Amino acid sequence: MQPDPSNLLTRIDLTIPLVGFYDAPETKPFAPLVRPDPQKHICVFAFYENWLRGETLHVTKDNYGCGGCGHWIFGIETRSREDFLKFLVDGEGLKSSRELMGKWIDHRAPYSPENPNILMGPLREDQYKYLKSITFFVNPDQLSALMIGAQYDRAPDDPAPVLAPFGSGCMELVPLFDDFDIPQAIIGTTDIAMRQYLPQDILAFTATRPMFEQLCQLDGKSFLYKPFWKNLRKARGYKNF
């Protein structure tokens, strides 16, 4: 059952809707839907404003918006390996050499969908079993709170609760997680190719379901109710802290 994030969102003053990444057999429960124009190259994050309006982006292996999404979400090769390396290294300068970029590409496998439909949009409580990740769009203060929340119940020898890996924006939504059953989160939207679609002071914090559940369980004993957080909220001008 999907946990209720309302208390968490209230405590961190987050009003931007959460966005879920769903791998689902049916699309009807996610309406209203928007889809990429198949004649255009478009990033999934270009639909950020649609998410704010409560709309869900629907992509498939036949209509995925851009080559990056096609490759990393559906495993579709949209260009040759040589062209891919040339584009990322020579064209965009994202790694110091083609050899290094090649090693990085080989190290990370694309996501493999379980169902025909990938849907990104508002959380749907009745579709929780199809939910792969949950994204919080946050400012630096809110990111700090979620970072601490992710660490709250983790021991030093547990898998790293928070990652900040290299990758495209859509990679940071699912393919960069090795195991969706681990409580883990990724600091995302650090891909400069897609940041033009977001406000400049917003980053993403994308959590697996177990991490999302952990965050939603933060209670009165946690830092969200203690002086450090209250003092920060007071400094930011919130009346109720």
C-alpha atoms as a PDB file:
ATOM      1  CA  MET A   1       0.000   0.000   0.000  1.00  0.00           C
ATOM      2  CA  GLN A   2       1.283   3.457  -0.862  1.00  0.00           C
ATOM      3  CA  PRO A   3       2.318   5.475   2.208  1.00  0.00           C
ATOM      4  CA  ASP A   4       0.912   8.943   2.751  1.00  0.00           C
ATOM      5  CA  PRO A   5       3.614  11.587   2.114  1.00  0.00           C
ATOM      6  CA  SER A   6       1.483  14.542   3.189  1.00  0.00           C
ATOM      7  CA  ASN A   7       3.099  15.005   6.609  1.00  0.00           C
ATOM      8  CA  LEU A   8       6.606  14.812   5.130  1.00  0.00           C
ATOM      9  CA  LEU A   9       5.720  17.339   2.439  1.00  0.00           C
ATOM     10  CA  THR A  10       4.219  19.690   5.011  1.00  0.00           C
ATOM     11  CA  ARG A  11       7.281  19.480   7.256  1.00  0.00           C
ATOM     12  CA  ILE A  12       9.656  20.313   4.379  1.00  0.00           C
ATOM     13  CA  ASP A  13       7.302  22.906   2.863  1.00  0.00           C
ATOM     14  CA  LEU A  14       7.182  21.143  -0.501  1.00  0.00           C
ATOM     15  CA  THR A  15       4.267  22.142  -2.719  1.00  0.00           C
ATOM     16  CA  ILE A  16       5.587  20.815  -6.047  1.00  0.00           C
ATOM     17  CA  PRO A  17       3.766  17.547  -6.817  1.00  0.00           C
ATOM     18  CA  LEU A  18       5.723  14.318  -6.540  1.00  0.00           C
ATOM     19  CA  VAL A  19       6.316  12.493  -9.818  1.00  0.00           C
ATOM     20  CA  GLY A  20       6.195   8.727 -10.069  1.00  0.00           C
ATOM     21  CA  PHE A  21       7.890   6.540 -12.667  1.00  0.00           C
ATOM     22  CA  TYR A  22       5.523   3.677 -13.484  1.00  0.00           C
ATOM     23  CA  ASP A  23       6.073   0.529 -15.538  1.00  0.00           C
ATOM     24  CA  ALA A  24       2.465  -0.517 -16.120  1.00  0.00           C
ATOM     25  CA  PRO A  25       0.309  -2.710 -18.364  1.00  0.00           C
ATOM     26  CA  GLU A  26      -2.528  -0.185 -18.764  1.00  0.00           C
ATOM     27  CA  THR A  27      -2.663   3.580 -19.289  1.00  0.00           C
ATOM     28  CA  LYS A  28      -6.260   4.375 -18.346  1.00  0.00           C
ATOM     29  CA  PRO A  29      -5.613   4.750 -14.578  1.00  0.00           C
ATOM     30  CA  PHE A  30      -3.075   7.489 -15.325  1.00  0.00           C
ATOM     31  CA  ALA A  31      -5.269   9.845 -17.370  1.00  0.00           C
ATOM     32  CA  PRO A  32      -5.008  12.619 -18.362  1.00  0.00           C
ATOM     33  CA  LEU A  33      -2.066  11.638 -20.553  1.00  0.00           C
ATOM     34  CA  VAL A  34       0.364  13.543 -22.747  1.00  0.00           C
ATOM     35  CA  ARG A  35       2.710  11.994 -25.279  1.00  0.00           C
ATOM     36  CA  PRO A  36       5.774  13.207 -27.187  1.00  0.00           C
ATOM     37  CA  ASP A  37       5.258  14.374 -30.741  1.00  0.00           C
ATOM     38  CA  PRO A  38       6.771  11.435 -32.677  1.00  0.00           C
ATOM     39  CA  GLN A  39       8.079  13.893 -35.263  1.00  0.00           C
ATOM     40  CA  LYS A  40      10.116  15.836 -32.728  1.00  0.00           C
ATOM     41  CA  HIS A  41      13.152  15.230 -30.520  1.00  0.00           C
ATOM     42  CA  ILE A  42      12.004  16.094 -27.010  1.00  0.00           C
ATOM     43  CA  CYS A  43      13.292  15.392 -23.496  1.00  0.00           C
ATOM     44  CA  VAL A  44      10.958  13.839 -20.939  1.00  0.00           C
ATOM     45  CA  PHE A  45      11.684  16.770 -18.621  1.00  0.00           C
ATOM     46  CA  ALA A  46      10.172  19.136 -21.175  1.00  0.00           C
ATOM     47  CA  PHE A  47       6.899  17.868 -19.689  1.00  0.00           C
ATOM     48  CA  TYR A  48       7.664  19.316 -16.232  1.00  0.00           C
ATOM     49  CA  GLU A  49       4.868  21.887 -16.577  1.00  0.00           C
ATOM     50  CA  ASN A  50       2.481  19.094 -17.577  1.00  0.00           C
ATOM     51  CA  TRP A  51       3.346  17.273 -14.355  1.00  0.00           C
ATOM     52  CA  LEU A  52       2.546  20.418 -12.390  1.00  0.00           C
ATOM     53  CA  ARG A  53      -0.882  20.433 -14.070  1.00  0.00           C
ATOM     54  CA  GLY A  54      -1.525  16.839 -13.036  1.00  0.00           C
ATOM     55  CA  GLU A  55      -0.866  15.259 -16.414  1.00  0.00           C
ATOM     56  CA  THR A  56       1.097  12.036 -16.954  1.00  0.00           C
ATOM     57  CA  LEU A  57       3.686  11.538 -19.679  1.00  0.00           C
ATOM     58  CA  HIS A  58       3.256   8.264 -21.569  1.00  0.00           C
ATOM     59  CA  VAL A  59       6.230   6.867 -23.503  1.00  0.00           C
ATOM     60  CA  THR A  60       6.727   3.518 -25.221  1.00  0.00           C
ATOM     61  CA  LYS A  61       9.394   1.753 -27.251  1.00  0.00           C
ATOM     62  CA  ASP A  62       7.711   3.214 -30.346  1.00  0.00           C
ATOM     63  CA  ASN A  63       7.395   6.790 -29.067  1.00  0.00           C
ATOM     64  CA  TYR A  64      10.003   7.847 -26.522  1.00  0.00           C
ATOM     65  CA  GLY A  65      10.794  11.489 -27.260  1.00  0.00           C
ATOM     66  CA  CYS A  66      14.590  11.488 -27.536  1.00  0.00           C
ATOM     67  CA  GLY A  67      17.401   9.055 -28.230  1.00  0.00           C
ATOM     68  CA  GLY A  68      18.621   9.147 -24.649  1.00  0.00           C
ATOM     69  CA  CYS A  69      15.267   7.964 -23.330  1.00  0.00           C
ATOM     70  CA  GLY A  70      15.031   5.410 -26.135  1.00  0.00           C
ATOM     71  CA  HIS A  71      18.382   3.932 -25.154  1.00  0.00           C
ATOM     72  CA  TRP A  72      18.357   4.134 -21.355  1.00  0.00           C
ATOM     73  CA  ILE A  73      14.682   3.361 -20.736  1.00  0.00           C
ATOM     74  CA  PHE A  74      13.949   0.956 -23.590  1.00  0.00           C
ATOM     75  CA  GLY A  75      17.344  -0.350 -24.685  1.00  0.00           C
ATOM     76  CA  ILE A  76      16.899   0.959 -28.217  1.00  0.00           C
ATOM     77  CA  GLU A  77      20.057   1.779 -30.169  1.00  0.00           C
ATOM     78  CA  THR A  78      19.339   5.047 -31.935  1.00  0.00           C
ATOM     79  CA  ARG A  79      22.875   5.544 -33.250  1.00  0.00           C
ATOM     80  CA  SER A  80      26.080   3.563 -33.671  1.00  0.00           C
ATOM     81  CA  ARG A  81      28.475   3.238 -30.749  1.00  0.00           C
ATOM     82  CA  GLU A  82      31.053   5.349 -32.581  1.00  0.00           C
ATOM     83  CA  ASP A  83      28.522   8.102 -33.258  1.00  0.00           C
ATOM     84  CA  PHE A  84      27.360   7.955 -29.640  1.00  0.00           C
ATOM     85  CA  LEU A  85      30.906   8.385 -28.336  1.00  0.00           C
ATOM     86  CA  LYS A  86      31.663  11.126 -30.841  1.00  0.00           C
ATOM     87  CA  PHE A  87      28.560  13.038 -29.791  1.00  0.00           C
ATOM     88  CA  LEU A  88      29.103  12.736 -26.030  1.00  0.00           C
ATOM     89  CA  VAL A  89      32.876  13.285 -25.991  1.00  0.00           C
ATOM     90  CA  ASP A  90      33.849  15.330 -29.045  1.00  0.00           C
ATOM     91  CA  GLY A  91      30.564  17.186 -29.364  1.00  0.00           C
ATOM     92  CA  GLU A  92      29.595  17.773 -25.738  1.00  0.00           C
ATOM     93  CA  GLY A  93      32.815  17.143 -23.789  1.00  0.00           C
ATOM     94  CA  LEU A  94      31.207  15.029 -21.077  1.00  0.00           C
ATOM     95  CA  LYS A  95      34.223  12.755 -20.525  1.00  0.00           C
ATOM     96  CA  SER A  96      37.930  13.278 -21.081  1.00  0.00           C
ATOM     97  CA  SER A  97      38.222  10.555 -23.733  1.00  0.00           C
ATOM     98  CA  ARG A  98      36.153   8.246 -25.878  1.00  0.00           C
ATOM     99  CA  GLU A  99      37.797   5.290 -24.144  1.00  0.00           C
ATOM    100  CA  LEU A 100      36.610   6.468 -20.736  1.00  0.00           C
ATOM    101  CA  MET A 101      33.114   7.196 -22.007  1.00  0.00           C
ATOM    102  CA  GLY A 102      33.011   3.766 -23.609  1.00  0.00           C
ATOM    103  CA  LYS A 103      33.869   2.109 -20.300  1.00  0.00           C
ATOM    104  CA  TRP A 104      31.116   4.069 -18.589  1.00  0.00           C
ATOM    105  CA  ILE A 105      28.545   3.075 -21.236  1.00  0.00           C
ATOM    106  CA  ASP A 106      29.541  -0.578 -20.996  1.00  0.00           C
ATOM    107  CA  HIS A 107      29.324  -0.518 -17.214  1.00  0.00           C
ATOM    108  CA  ARG A 108      25.679   0.557 -17.086  1.00  0.00           C
ATOM    109  CA  ALA A 109      22.859  -1.447 -18.677  1.00  0.00           C
ATOM    110  CA  PRO A 110      19.637   0.259 -19.803  1.00  0.00           C
ATOM    111  CA  TYR A 111      16.414  -0.264 -17.916  1.00  0.00           C
ATOM    112  CA  SER A 112      14.374  -3.238 -19.140  1.00  0.00           C
ATOM    113  CA  PRO A 113      10.620  -2.509 -19.002  1.00  0.00           C
ATOM    114  CA  GLU A 114       8.327  -5.198 -17.659  1.00  0.00           C
ATOM    115  CA  ASN A 115       5.230  -3.778 -19.360  1.00  0.00           C
ATOM    116  CA  PRO A 116       4.417  -1.902 -22.594  1.00  0.00           C
ATOM    117  CA  ASN A 117       3.879   1.474 -20.924  1.00  0.00           C
ATOM    118  CA  ILE A 118       6.211   3.803 -19.092  1.00  0.00           C
ATOM    119  CA  LEU A 119       4.322   6.576 -17.338  1.00  0.00           C
ATOM    120  CA  MET A 120       5.749   9.588 -15.511  1.00  0.00           C
ATOM    121  CA  GLY A 121       3.420  11.783 -13.556  1.00  0.00           C
ATOM    122  CA  PRO A 122       1.373  12.270 -10.381  1.00  0.00           C
ATOM    123  CA  LEU A 123       1.297   9.470  -7.843  1.00  0.00           C
ATOM    124  CA  ARG A 124      -1.615   7.057  -8.238  1.00  0.00           C
ATOM    125  CA  GLU A 125      -2.305   5.202  -5.012  1.00  0.00           C
ATOM    126  CA  ASP A 126      -4.062   2.307  -6.744  1.00  0.00           C
ATOM    127  CA  GLN A 127      -1.078   1.756  -9.060  1.00  0.00           C
ATOM    128  CA  TYR A 128       1.572   1.460  -6.353  1.00  0.00           C
ATOM    129  CA  LYS A 129       2.666  -2.019  -7.401  1.00  0.00           C
ATOM    130  CA  TYR A 130       3.811  -0.618 -10.748  1.00  0.00           C
ATOM    131  CA  LEU A 131       5.741   2.290  -9.220  1.00  0.00           C
ATOM    132  CA  LYS A 132       9.527   2.102  -9.654  1.00  0.00           C
ATOM    133  CA  SER A 133      10.705   5.466  -8.330  1.00  0.00           C
ATOM    134  CA  ILE A 134       9.365   8.658  -6.800  1.00  0.00           C
ATOM    135  CA  THR A 135      10.872  12.058  -7.597  1.00  0.00           C
ATOM    136  CA  PHE A 136      10.799  15.082  -5.314  1.00  0.00           C
ATOM    137  CA  PHE A 137      11.582  18.370  -7.090  1.00  0.00           C
ATOM    138  CA  VAL A 138      13.261  20.388  -4.370  1.00  0.00           C
ATOM    139  CA  ASN A 139      15.240  23.475  -3.416  1.00  0.00           C
ATOM    140  CA  PRO A 140      18.550  23.167  -1.495  1.00  0.00           C
ATOM    141  CA  ASP A 141      16.911  23.295   1.950  1.00  0.00           C
ATOM    142  CA  GLN A 142      14.446  20.575   1.034  1.00  0.00           C
ATOM    143  CA  LEU A 143      17.205  18.501  -0.533  1.00  0.00           C
ATOM    144  CA  SER A 144      19.122  18.757   2.735  1.00  0.00           C
ATOM    145  CA  ALA A 145      16.120  17.495   4.679  1.00  0.00           C
ATOM    146  CA  LEU A 146      15.613  14.538   2.348  1.00  0.00           C
ATOM    147  CA  MET A 147      19.330  13.731   2.472  1.00  0.00           C
ATOM    148  CA  ILE A 148      19.198  13.532   6.268  1.00  0.00           C
ATOM    149  CA  GLY A 149      15.945  11.589   6.099  1.00  0.00           C
ATOM    150  CA  ALA A 150      17.572   9.063   3.778  1.00  0.00           C
ATOM    151  CA  GLN A 151      20.394   8.588   6.294  1.00  0.00           C
ATOM    152  CA  TYR A 152      18.096   8.538   9.333  1.00  0.00           C
ATOM    153  CA  ASP A 153      17.660   4.758   9.601  1.00  0.00           C
ATOM    154  CA  ARG A 154      20.813   3.628   7.759  1.00  0.00           C
ATOM    155  CA  ALA A 155      23.967   2.147   9.303  1.00  0.00           C
ATOM    156  CA  PRO A 156      27.504   2.807   7.975  1.00  0.00           C
ATOM    157  CA  ASP A 157      27.721  -0.672   6.445  1.00  0.00           C
ATOM    158  CA  ASP A 158      24.347  -0.459   4.678  1.00  0.00           C
ATOM    159  CA  PRO A 159      24.243   0.248   0.932  1.00  0.00           C
ATOM    160  CA  ALA A 160      24.774   3.955   0.280  1.00  0.00           C
ATOM    161  CA  PRO A 161      21.409   5.654   0.964  1.00  0.00           C
ATOM    162  CA  VAL A 162      22.041   8.495  -1.495  1.00  0.00           C
ATOM    163  CA  LEU A 163      23.900   8.467  -4.802  1.00  0.00           C
ATOM    164  CA  ALA A 164      24.934  11.278  -7.119  1.00  0.00           C
ATOM    165  CA  PRO A 165      26.017   9.389 -10.254  1.00  0.00           C
ATOM    166  CA  PHE A 166      26.967  10.618 -13.697  1.00  0.00           C
ATOM    167  CA  GLY A 167      24.207  10.153 -16.231  1.00  0.00           C
ATOM    168  CA  SER A 168      21.437  11.688 -18.281  1.00  0.00           C
ATOM    169  CA  GLY A 169      18.328  13.075 -16.614  1.00  0.00           C
ATOM    170  CA  CYS A 170      16.149  10.097 -17.507  1.00  0.00           C
ATOM    171  CA  MET A 171      18.887   7.692 -16.341  1.00  0.00           C
ATOM    172  CA  GLU A 172      18.644   9.231 -12.898  1.00  0.00           C
ATOM    173  CA  LEU A 173      14.987   8.168 -12.716  1.00  0.00           C
ATOM    174  CA  VAL A 174      15.539   4.386 -12.943  1.00  0.00           C
ATOM    175  CA  PRO A 175      18.532   2.823 -14.785  1.00  0.00           C
ATOM    176  CA  LEU A 176      21.104   4.006 -12.247  1.00  0.00           C
ATOM    177  CA  PHE A 177      19.504   1.996  -9.456  1.00  0.00           C
ATOM    178  CA  ASP A 178      20.983  -1.487  -9.170  1.00  0.00           C
ATOM    179  CA  ASP A 179      18.201  -2.869  -6.984  1.00  0.00           C
ATOM    180  CA  PHE A 180      14.751  -1.329  -6.529  1.00  0.00           C
ATOM    181  CA  ASP A 181      14.300  -3.253  -3.280  1.00  0.00           C
ATOM    182  CA  ILE A 182      17.086  -1.279  -1.560  1.00  0.00           C
ATOM    183  CA  PRO A 183      16.167   1.944   0.292  1.00  0.00           C
ATOM    184  CA  GLN A 184      18.129   4.334  -1.894  1.00  0.00           C
ATOM    185  CA  ALA A 185      17.854   7.699  -3.614  1.00  0.00           C
ATOM    186  CA  ILE A 186      19.605   9.598  -6.384  1.00  0.00           C
ATOM    187  CA  ILE A 187      20.286  13.324  -6.527  1.00  0.00           C
ATOM    188  CA  GLY A 188      19.086  13.965 -10.055  1.00  0.00           C
ATOM    189  CA  THR A 189      18.460  16.484 -12.797  1.00  0.00           C
ATOM    190  CA  THR A 190      22.194  17.222 -12.798  1.00  0.00           C
ATOM    191  CA  ASP A 191      22.317  16.631 -16.553  1.00  0.00           C
ATOM    192  CA  ILE A 192      22.951  20.075 -18.037  1.00  0.00           C
ATOM    193  CA  ALA A 193      21.281  19.034 -21.290  1.00  0.00           C
ATOM    194  CA  MET A 194      17.877  18.880 -19.594  1.00  0.00           C
ATOM    195  CA  ARG A 195      18.152  21.525 -16.877  1.00  0.00           C
ATOM    196  CA  GLN A 196      16.688  24.174 -19.180  1.00  0.00           C
ATOM    197  CA  TYR A 197      13.255  22.648 -18.505  1.00  0.00           C
ATOM    198  CA  LEU A 198      13.400  23.223 -14.730  1.00  0.00           C
ATOM    199  CA  PRO A 199      13.602  26.333 -12.548  1.00  0.00           C
ATOM    200  CA  GLN A 200      17.270  27.066 -11.868  1.00  0.00           C
ATOM    201  CA  ASP A 201      16.967  26.534  -8.110  1.00  0.00           C
ATOM    202  CA  ILE A 202      15.344  23.086  -8.363  1.00  0.00           C
ATOM    203  CA  LEU A 203      17.020  19.672  -8.257  1.00  0.00           C
ATOM    204  CA  ALA A 204      15.517  16.206  -8.089  1.00  0.00           C
ATOM    205  CA  PHE A 205      15.677  13.653  -5.314  1.00  0.00           C
ATOM    206  CA  THR A 206      14.531  10.333  -6.742  1.00  0.00           C
ATOM    207  CA  ALA A 207      13.788   7.499  -4.323  1.00  0.00           C
ATOM    208  CA  THR A 208      13.056   3.810  -4.630  1.00  0.00           C
ATOM    209  CA  ARG A 209       9.827   2.651  -3.018  1.00  0.00           C
ATOM    210  CA  PRO A 210      11.560   1.380   0.151  1.00  0.00           C
ATOM    211  CA  MET A 211      13.295   4.734   0.570  1.00  0.00           C
ATOM    212  CA  PHE A 212      10.044   6.590  -0.064  1.00  0.00           C
ATOM    213  CA  GLU A 213       8.372   4.488   2.635  1.00  0.00           C
ATOM    214  CA  GLN A 214      11.218   5.246   5.035  1.00  0.00           C
ATOM    215  CA  LEU A 215      10.935   8.982   4.416  1.00  0.00           C
ATOM    216  CA  CYS A 216       7.177   8.931   4.944  1.00  0.00           C
ATOM    217  CA  GLN A 217       7.702   7.295   8.353  1.00  0.00           C
ATOM    218  CA  LEU A 218       9.729  10.184   9.793  1.00  0.00           C
ATOM    219  CA  ASP A 219       7.928  11.103  13.001  1.00  0.00           C
ATOM    220  CA  GLY A 220       8.118  13.438  15.983  1.00  0.00           C
ATOM    221  CA  LYS A 221      11.379  11.914  17.177  1.00  0.00           C
ATOM    222  CA  SER A 222      13.122  12.889  13.951  1.00  0.00           C
ATOM    223  CA  PHE A 223      15.013  16.028  12.987  1.00  0.00           C
ATOM    224  CA  LEU A 224      11.943  17.390  11.195  1.00  0.00           C
ATOM    225  CA  TYR A 225      10.554  18.355  14.615  1.00  0.00           C
ATOM    226  CA  LYS A 226      13.809  19.435  16.283  1.00  0.00           C
ATOM    227  CA  PRO A 227      15.638  22.788  16.689  1.00  0.00           C
ATOM    228  CA  PHE A 228      18.035  22.550  13.714  1.00  0.00           C
ATOM    229  CA  TRP A 229      15.162  22.236  11.224  1.00  0.00           C
ATOM    230  CA  LYS A 230      12.917  24.667  13.081  1.00  0.00           C
ATOM    231  CA  ASN A 231      15.677  27.285  13.127  1.00  0.00           C
ATOM    232  CA  LEU A 232      16.249  26.908   9.391  1.00  0.00           C
ATOM    233  CA  ARG A 233      12.549  27.303   8.644  1.00  0.00           C
ATOM    234  CA  LYS A 234      12.410  30.346  10.886  1.00  0.00           C
ATOM    235  CA  ALA A 235      15.399  31.866   9.066  1.00  0.00           C
ATOM    236  CA  ARG A 236      13.585  31.337   5.763  1.00  0.00           C
ATOM    237  CA  GLY A 237      10.571  33.248   7.001  1.00  0.00           C
ATOM    238  CA  TYR A 238       8.061  30.472   7.612  1.00  0.00           C
ATOM    239  CA  LYS A 239       5.534  31.454  10.279  1.00  0.00           C
ATOM    240  CA  ASN A 240       4.833  27.946  11.529  1.00  0.00           C
ATOM    241  CA  PHE A 241       7.973  26.149  12.613  1.00  0.00           C
END
